[in-house]
Amino acid sequence: MARTRYLALAISKLAPPPSGYQVVHFAPEKGLAKLLHAKYASHYVAADYAPERYSNIGLPVKFVDLREPGSHFPPDSVQGFIHSHILEHIPAPIDKVVTDMNNAVRKGGFHIFVLPVRGQRYREDLSPDLSPEERSVQFGHPEHMRDFGRRDLPDLLARWFSGWSQQDMSLHITEDELMSANIPATAQSQMTGHSVFFFSKNS
């Protein structure tokens, strides 16, 4: 997928060296898992709510329920988090989920992710009464709880990442590199479901 290739480029160019703390990769894609394990070795942690789905990556996968990140990751215990298209799946208040994740990241650490950006405004429905078919209609997938919109996503990110710095991907990845990796140029020039958001926690 283009978003996975873009994440791989971002990690290769921008992810800092190991600091001795965990680097946690949720819903681990096989190629990214290999890349991250080579970089972070024993500090790399693959994680998911359903670890059995990832037997193909050749690495152990830790059970993590992101409805309660703080129960898995105490404050200042993690160097970084990486994930692609997972925040839309979590059946819990998203502000608390991301805040708890960010509290777990040590100063100088990072949080890299990709979101499904659809429409203009953030929309969410956590109701257990909404059927998978209705979720598909509303959010494009039977297991999605929310959509992230282009117009208000910057405000949402600013709220989540107060005290962090966002990397400008265009300063590090060229249009030629995007083209060579078959990544749409809009992934970098706009906010799309392929765009990589890379935040570093200020020291």
C-alpha atoms as a PDB file:
ATOM      1  CA  MET A   1       0.000   0.000   0.000  1.00  0.00           C
ATOM      2  CA  ALA A   2       1.117   3.552  -0.716  1.00  0.00           C
ATOM      3  CA  ARG A   3       0.675   4.592   2.912  1.00  0.00           C
ATOM      4  CA  THR A   4       2.935   1.739   4.060  1.00  0.00           C
ATOM      5  CA  ARG A   5       5.598   2.691   1.540  1.00  0.00           C
ATOM      6  CA  TYR A   6       5.379   6.314   2.689  1.00  0.00           C
ATOM      7  CA  LEU A   7       5.732   5.231   6.321  1.00  0.00           C
ATOM      8  CA  ALA A   8       8.791   3.191   5.376  1.00  0.00           C
ATOM      9  CA  LEU A   9      10.362   6.240   3.715  1.00  0.00           C
ATOM     10  CA  ALA A  10       9.594   8.414   6.739  1.00  0.00           C
ATOM     11  CA  ILE A  11      11.030   5.875   9.175  1.00  0.00           C
ATOM     12  CA  SER A  12      14.158   5.370   7.077  1.00  0.00           C
ATOM     13  CA  LYS A  13      14.842   9.104   6.884  1.00  0.00           C
ATOM     14  CA  LEU A  14      13.560  10.512  10.157  1.00  0.00           C
ATOM     15  CA  ALA A  15      13.203   7.912  12.902  1.00  0.00           C
ATOM     16  CA  PRO A  16      15.888   8.553  15.546  1.00  0.00           C
ATOM     17  CA  PRO A  17      18.395   5.934  16.689  1.00  0.00           C
ATOM     18  CA  PRO A  18      17.551   3.604  19.576  1.00  0.00           C
ATOM     19  CA  SER A  19      17.448   5.186  23.015  1.00  0.00           C
ATOM     20  CA  GLY A  20      17.082   2.001  25.055  1.00  0.00           C
ATOM     21  CA  TYR A  21      13.296   2.274  25.385  1.00  0.00           C
ATOM     22  CA  GLN A  22      10.462   0.497  23.580  1.00  0.00           C
ATOM     23  CA  VAL A  23       9.440   1.414  20.044  1.00  0.00           C
ATOM     24  CA  VAL A  24       5.919   0.069  19.650  1.00  0.00           C
ATOM     25  CA  HIS A  25       4.386  -0.762  16.269  1.00  0.00           C
ATOM     26  CA  PHE A  26       0.645  -1.418  16.236  1.00  0.00           C
ATOM     27  CA  ALA A  27      -1.079  -3.647  13.669  1.00  0.00           C
ATOM     28  CA  PRO A  28       2.411  -4.503  12.398  1.00  0.00           C
ATOM     29  CA  GLU A  29       2.799  -4.680   8.631  1.00  0.00           C
ATOM     30  CA  LYS A  30       5.365  -7.351   7.745  1.00  0.00           C
ATOM     31  CA  GLY A  31       7.709  -5.090   5.757  1.00  0.00           C
ATOM     32  CA  LEU A  32       7.632  -2.303   8.339  1.00  0.00           C
ATOM     33  CA  ALA A  33       8.138  -4.811  11.139  1.00  0.00           C
ATOM     34  CA  LYS A  34      11.300  -6.045   9.425  1.00  0.00           C
ATOM     35  CA  LEU A  35      12.547  -2.472   8.912  1.00  0.00           C
ATOM     36  CA  LEU A  36      11.830  -1.427  12.492  1.00  0.00           C
ATOM     37  CA  HIS A  37      13.229  -4.606  14.027  1.00  0.00           C
ATOM     38  CA  ALA A  38      16.463  -4.108  12.092  1.00  0.00           C
ATOM     39  CA  LYS A  39      16.708  -0.545  13.446  1.00  0.00           C
ATOM     40  CA  TYR A  40      15.578  -1.035  17.050  1.00  0.00           C
ATOM     41  CA  ALA A  41      16.428  -4.723  17.642  1.00  0.00           C
ATOM     42  CA  SER A  42      15.298  -5.932  21.069  1.00  0.00           C
ATOM     43  CA  HIS A  43      13.587  -2.619  21.806  1.00  0.00           C
ATOM     44  CA  TYR A  44      11.148  -3.090  18.912  1.00  0.00           C
ATOM     45  CA  VAL A  45       7.704  -4.275  20.052  1.00  0.00           C
ATOM     46  CA  ALA A  46       5.006  -5.422  17.639  1.00  0.00           C
ATOM     47  CA  ALA A  47       1.567  -5.082  19.230  1.00  0.00           C
ATOM     48  CA  ASP A  48      -2.119  -5.545  18.492  1.00  0.00           C
ATOM     49  CA  TYR A  49      -5.502  -6.282  20.067  1.00  0.00           C
ATOM     50  CA  ALA A  50      -5.549  -9.580  18.116  1.00  0.00           C
ATOM     51  CA  PRO A  51      -1.920 -10.841  18.010  1.00  0.00           C
ATOM     52  CA  GLU A  52      -2.939 -14.100  16.312  1.00  0.00           C
ATOM     53  CA  ARG A  53      -3.605 -12.179  13.089  1.00  0.00           C
ATOM     54  CA  TYR A  54       0.104 -11.454  12.676  1.00  0.00           C
ATOM     55  CA  SER A  55       1.738 -14.877  12.739  1.00  0.00           C
ATOM     56  CA  ASN A  56       3.199 -14.106   9.286  1.00  0.00           C
ATOM     57  CA  ILE A  57       5.585 -11.392  10.448  1.00  0.00           C
ATOM     58  CA  GLY A  58       7.975 -13.855  12.108  1.00  0.00           C
ATOM     59  CA  LEU A  59       8.166 -11.903  15.380  1.00  0.00           C
ATOM     60  CA  PRO A  60       6.264 -12.096  18.667  1.00  0.00           C
ATOM     61  CA  VAL A  61       3.261  -9.772  18.862  1.00  0.00           C
ATOM     62  CA  LYS A  62       2.231  -8.373  22.236  1.00  0.00           C
ATOM     63  CA  PHE A  63      -1.427  -8.070  23.209  1.00  0.00           C
ATOM     64  CA  VAL A  64      -2.383  -4.406  23.708  1.00  0.00           C
ATOM     65  CA  ASP A  65      -5.872  -2.986  24.157  1.00  0.00           C
ATOM     66  CA  LEU A  66      -5.692   0.657  23.094  1.00  0.00           C
ATOM     67  CA  ARG A  67      -8.930   1.459  24.858  1.00  0.00           C
ATOM     68  CA  GLU A  68      -6.632   1.766  27.879  1.00  0.00           C
ATOM     69  CA  PRO A  69      -3.099   2.612  26.698  1.00  0.00           C
ATOM     70  CA  GLY A  70      -2.020   3.604  30.192  1.00  0.00           C
ATOM     71  CA  SER A  71      -2.559   0.069  31.468  1.00  0.00           C
ATOM     72  CA  HIS A  72       0.123  -1.165  29.044  1.00  0.00           C
ATOM     73  CA  PHE A  73       2.488   1.804  28.841  1.00  0.00           C
ATOM     74  CA  PRO A  74       3.296   3.850  31.971  1.00  0.00           C
ATOM     75  CA  PRO A  75       4.342   7.503  31.578  1.00  0.00           C
ATOM     76  CA  ASP A  76       7.765   8.037  29.982  1.00  0.00           C
ATOM     77  CA  SER A  77       8.229   4.348  29.194  1.00  0.00           C
ATOM     78  CA  VAL A  78       8.283   4.417  25.366  1.00  0.00           C
ATOM     79  CA  GLN A  79      10.627   5.929  22.790  1.00  0.00           C
ATOM     80  CA  GLY A  80       8.015   5.920  20.045  1.00  0.00           C
ATOM     81  CA  PHE A  81       4.742   4.690  18.579  1.00  0.00           C
ATOM     82  CA  ILE A  82       4.077   3.783  14.929  1.00  0.00           C
ATOM     83  CA  HIS A  83       0.676   2.904  13.485  1.00  0.00           C
ATOM     84  CA  SER A  84      -1.359   3.182  10.308  1.00  0.00           C
ATOM     85  CA  HIS A  85      -5.157   3.310  10.151  1.00  0.00           C
ATOM     86  CA  ILE A  86      -5.831   2.062  13.673  1.00  0.00           C
ATOM     87  CA  LEU A  87      -7.212   5.075  15.579  1.00  0.00           C
ATOM     88  CA  GLU A  88     -10.478   4.831  13.665  1.00  0.00           C
ATOM     89  CA  HIS A  89     -11.023   1.315  15.086  1.00  0.00           C
ATOM     90  CA  ILE A  90     -10.736   2.036  18.808  1.00  0.00           C
ATOM     91  CA  PRO A  91     -14.114   2.001  20.626  1.00  0.00           C
ATOM     92  CA  ALA A  92     -13.122   4.556  23.251  1.00  0.00           C
ATOM     93  CA  PRO A  93     -12.903   8.378  23.540  1.00  0.00           C
ATOM     94  CA  ILE A  94     -10.129   9.214  21.114  1.00  0.00           C
ATOM     95  CA  ASP A  95      -8.803  12.261  22.995  1.00  0.00           C
ATOM     96  CA  LYS A  96      -8.070  10.130  26.049  1.00  0.00           C
ATOM     97  CA  VAL A  97      -6.556   7.320  23.967  1.00  0.00           C
ATOM     98  CA  VAL A  98      -4.086   9.601  22.192  1.00  0.00           C
ATOM     99  CA  THR A  99      -3.335  11.634  25.328  1.00  0.00           C
ATOM    100  CA  ASP A 100      -2.492   8.447  27.255  1.00  0.00           C
ATOM    101  CA  MET A 101      -0.312   7.243  24.385  1.00  0.00           C
ATOM    102  CA  ASN A 102       1.514  10.562  24.221  1.00  0.00           C
ATOM    103  CA  ASN A 103       2.054  10.567  27.992  1.00  0.00           C
ATOM    104  CA  ALA A 104       3.862   7.250  27.600  1.00  0.00           C
ATOM    105  CA  VAL A 105       6.395   8.750  25.158  1.00  0.00           C
ATOM    106  CA  ARG A 106       9.595  10.083  26.693  1.00  0.00           C
ATOM    107  CA  LYS A 107      10.922  13.534  25.840  1.00  0.00           C
ATOM    108  CA  GLY A 108      12.826  13.325  22.579  1.00  0.00           C
ATOM    109  CA  GLY A 109      10.611  10.440  21.446  1.00  0.00           C
ATOM    110  CA  PHE A 110       8.210  10.249  18.536  1.00  0.00           C
ATOM    111  CA  HIS A 111       4.718   9.334  17.376  1.00  0.00           C
ATOM    112  CA  ILE A 112       4.301   8.441  13.685  1.00  0.00           C
ATOM    113  CA  PHE A 113       0.935   7.540  12.187  1.00  0.00           C
ATOM    114  CA  VAL A 114      -1.471   7.540   9.258  1.00  0.00           C
ATOM    115  CA  LEU A 115      -5.204   8.290   9.531  1.00  0.00           C
ATOM    116  CA  PRO A 116      -8.170   7.768   7.216  1.00  0.00           C
ATOM    117  CA  VAL A 117      -9.012  11.330   6.136  1.00  0.00           C
ATOM    118  CA  ARG A 118     -12.525  11.454   4.675  1.00  0.00           C
ATOM    119  CA  GLY A 119     -14.692  14.516   4.176  1.00  0.00           C
ATOM    120  CA  GLN A 120     -14.266  17.841   5.924  1.00  0.00           C
ATOM    121  CA  ARG A 121     -15.223  17.268   9.574  1.00  0.00           C
ATOM    122  CA  TYR A 122     -14.434  14.813  12.352  1.00  0.00           C
ATOM    123  CA  ARG A 123     -17.303  12.378  12.902  1.00  0.00           C
ATOM    124  CA  GLU A 124     -17.654   9.654  15.535  1.00  0.00           C
ATOM    125  CA  ASP A 125     -20.247   7.165  16.764  1.00  0.00           C
ATOM    126  CA  LEU A 126     -19.304   4.800  19.589  1.00  0.00           C
ATOM    127  CA  SER A 127     -22.795   3.361  19.949  1.00  0.00           C
ATOM    128  CA  PRO A 128     -22.788  -0.457  20.236  1.00  0.00           C
ATOM    129  CA  ASP A 129     -26.195  -0.409  18.539  1.00  0.00           C
ATOM    130  CA  LEU A 130     -24.782   0.753  15.197  1.00  0.00           C
ATOM    131  CA  SER A 131     -24.612  -2.287  12.911  1.00  0.00           C
ATOM    132  CA  PRO A 132     -21.546  -3.162  10.797  1.00  0.00           C
ATOM    133  CA  GLU A 133     -23.581  -2.318   7.703  1.00  0.00           C
ATOM    134  CA  GLU A 134     -24.445   1.114   9.103  1.00  0.00           C
ATOM    135  CA  ARG A 135     -20.803   1.681  10.037  1.00  0.00           C
ATOM    136  CA  SER A 136     -19.783   0.846   6.469  1.00  0.00           C
ATOM    137  CA  VAL A 137     -22.188   3.476   5.181  1.00  0.00           C
ATOM    138  CA  GLN A 138     -21.153   6.121   7.716  1.00  0.00           C
ATOM    139  CA  PHE A 139     -17.431   5.477   8.018  1.00  0.00           C
ATOM    140  CA  GLY A 140     -16.454   3.345   5.040  1.00  0.00           C
ATOM    141  CA  HIS A 141     -15.735   0.158   7.026  1.00  0.00           C
ATOM    142  CA  PRO A 142     -17.814  -2.130   9.289  1.00  0.00           C
ATOM    143  CA  GLU A 143     -15.365  -1.760  12.187  1.00  0.00           C
ATOM    144  CA  HIS A 144     -14.713   1.994  12.064  1.00  0.00           C
ATOM    145  CA  MET A 145     -15.813   4.233  14.921  1.00  0.00           C
ATOM    146  CA  ARG A 146     -14.868   7.578  13.362  1.00  0.00           C
ATOM    147  CA  ASP A 147     -13.649   9.592  10.391  1.00  0.00           C
ATOM    148  CA  PHE A 148     -11.074  12.384  10.411  1.00  0.00           C
ATOM    149  CA  GLY A 149     -11.930  15.455   8.314  1.00  0.00           C
ATOM    150  CA  ARG A 150      -9.586  17.727   6.368  1.00  0.00           C
ATOM    151  CA  ARG A 151     -10.971  20.967   7.751  1.00  0.00           C
ATOM    152  CA  ASP A 152     -10.698  20.298  11.484  1.00  0.00           C
ATOM    153  CA  LEU A 153      -7.863  17.751  11.576  1.00  0.00           C
ATOM    154  CA  PRO A 154      -5.202  20.470  12.097  1.00  0.00           C
ATOM    155  CA  ASP A 155      -7.027  21.686  15.216  1.00  0.00           C
ATOM    156  CA  LEU A 156      -7.365  18.125  16.482  1.00  0.00           C
ATOM    157  CA  LEU A 157      -3.653  17.444  15.985  1.00  0.00           C
ATOM    158  CA  ALA A 158      -2.736  20.734  17.665  1.00  0.00           C
ATOM    159  CA  ARG A 159      -4.765  19.695  20.709  1.00  0.00           C
ATOM    160  CA  TRP A 160      -3.257  16.225  20.870  1.00  0.00           C
ATOM    161  CA  PHE A 161       0.325  17.318  20.269  1.00  0.00           C
ATOM    162  CA  SER A 162       0.726  20.456  22.347  1.00  0.00           C
ATOM    163  CA  GLY A 163       4.394  20.501  23.354  1.00  0.00           C
ATOM    164  CA  TRP A 164       5.451  18.456  20.325  1.00  0.00           C
ATOM    165  CA  SER A 165       7.008  19.425  16.981  1.00  0.00           C
ATOM    166  CA  GLN A 166       5.622  18.195  13.662  1.00  0.00           C
ATOM    167  CA  GLN A 167       8.059  17.228  10.950  1.00  0.00           C
ATOM    168  CA  ASP A 168       7.453  18.813   7.538  1.00  0.00           C
ATOM    169  CA  MET A 169       7.738  15.726   5.353  1.00  0.00           C
ATOM    170  CA  SER A 170       8.355  17.791   2.198  1.00  0.00           C
ATOM    171  CA  LEU A 171      11.690  18.922   3.671  1.00  0.00           C
ATOM    172  CA  HIS A 172      12.904  15.325   3.863  1.00  0.00           C
ATOM    173  CA  ILE A 173      11.197  13.383   1.065  1.00  0.00           C
ATOM    174  CA  THR A 174      11.354  14.646  -2.499  1.00  0.00           C
ATOM    175  CA  GLU A 175       8.719  14.383  -5.205  1.00  0.00           C
ATOM    176  CA  ASP A 176      11.074  12.086  -7.131  1.00  0.00           C
ATOM    177  CA  GLU A 177      11.297   9.753  -4.129  1.00  0.00           C
ATOM    178  CA  LEU A 178       7.510   9.693  -3.864  1.00  0.00           C
ATOM    179  CA  MET A 179       7.217   8.905  -7.565  1.00  0.00           C
ATOM    180  CA  SER A 180       9.849   6.160  -7.369  1.00  0.00           C
ATOM    181  CA  ALA A 181       7.928   4.526  -4.505  1.00  0.00           C
ATOM    182  CA  ASN A 182       4.590   4.912  -6.334  1.00  0.00           C
ATOM    183  CA  ILE A 183       3.220   7.211  -3.620  1.00  0.00           C
ATOM    184  CA  PRO A 184       0.674   9.830  -4.735  1.00  0.00           C
ATOM    185  CA  ALA A 185       2.086  13.362  -4.539  1.00  0.00           C
ATOM    186  CA  THR A 186      -1.116  14.364  -2.725  1.00  0.00           C
ATOM    187  CA  ALA A 187       0.011  12.266   0.237  1.00  0.00           C
ATOM    188  CA  GLN A 188       2.519  15.036   0.917  1.00  0.00           C
ATOM    189  CA  SER A 189       0.819  18.123  -0.497  1.00  0.00           C
ATOM    190  CA  GLN A 190      -2.580  17.474   1.118  1.00  0.00           C
ATOM    191  CA  MET A 191      -4.076  15.582   4.045  1.00  0.00           C
ATOM    192  CA  THR A 192      -5.184  12.192   2.753  1.00  0.00           C
ATOM    193  CA  GLY A 193      -5.475   8.614   3.954  1.00  0.00           C
ATOM    194  CA  HIS A 194      -1.863   8.102   2.781  1.00  0.00           C
ATOM    195  CA  SER A 195      -0.342  11.116   4.562  1.00  0.00           C
ATOM    196  CA  VAL A 196       2.248  10.452   7.261  1.00  0.00           C
ATOM    197  CA  PHE A 197       2.075  12.518  10.447  1.00  0.00           C
ATOM    198  CA  PHE A 198       5.397  12.562  12.290  1.00  0.00           C
ATOM    199  CA  PHE A 199       5.599  14.278  15.684  1.00  0.00           C
ATOM    200  CA  SER A 200       8.625  14.570  17.961  1.00  0.00           C
ATOM    201  CA  LYS A 201       8.170  15.221  21.690  1.00  0.00           C
ATOM    202  CA  ASN A 202      10.069  18.328  22.717  1.00  0.00           C
ATOM    203  CA  SER A 203      12.865  17.924  25.244  1.00  0.00           C
END
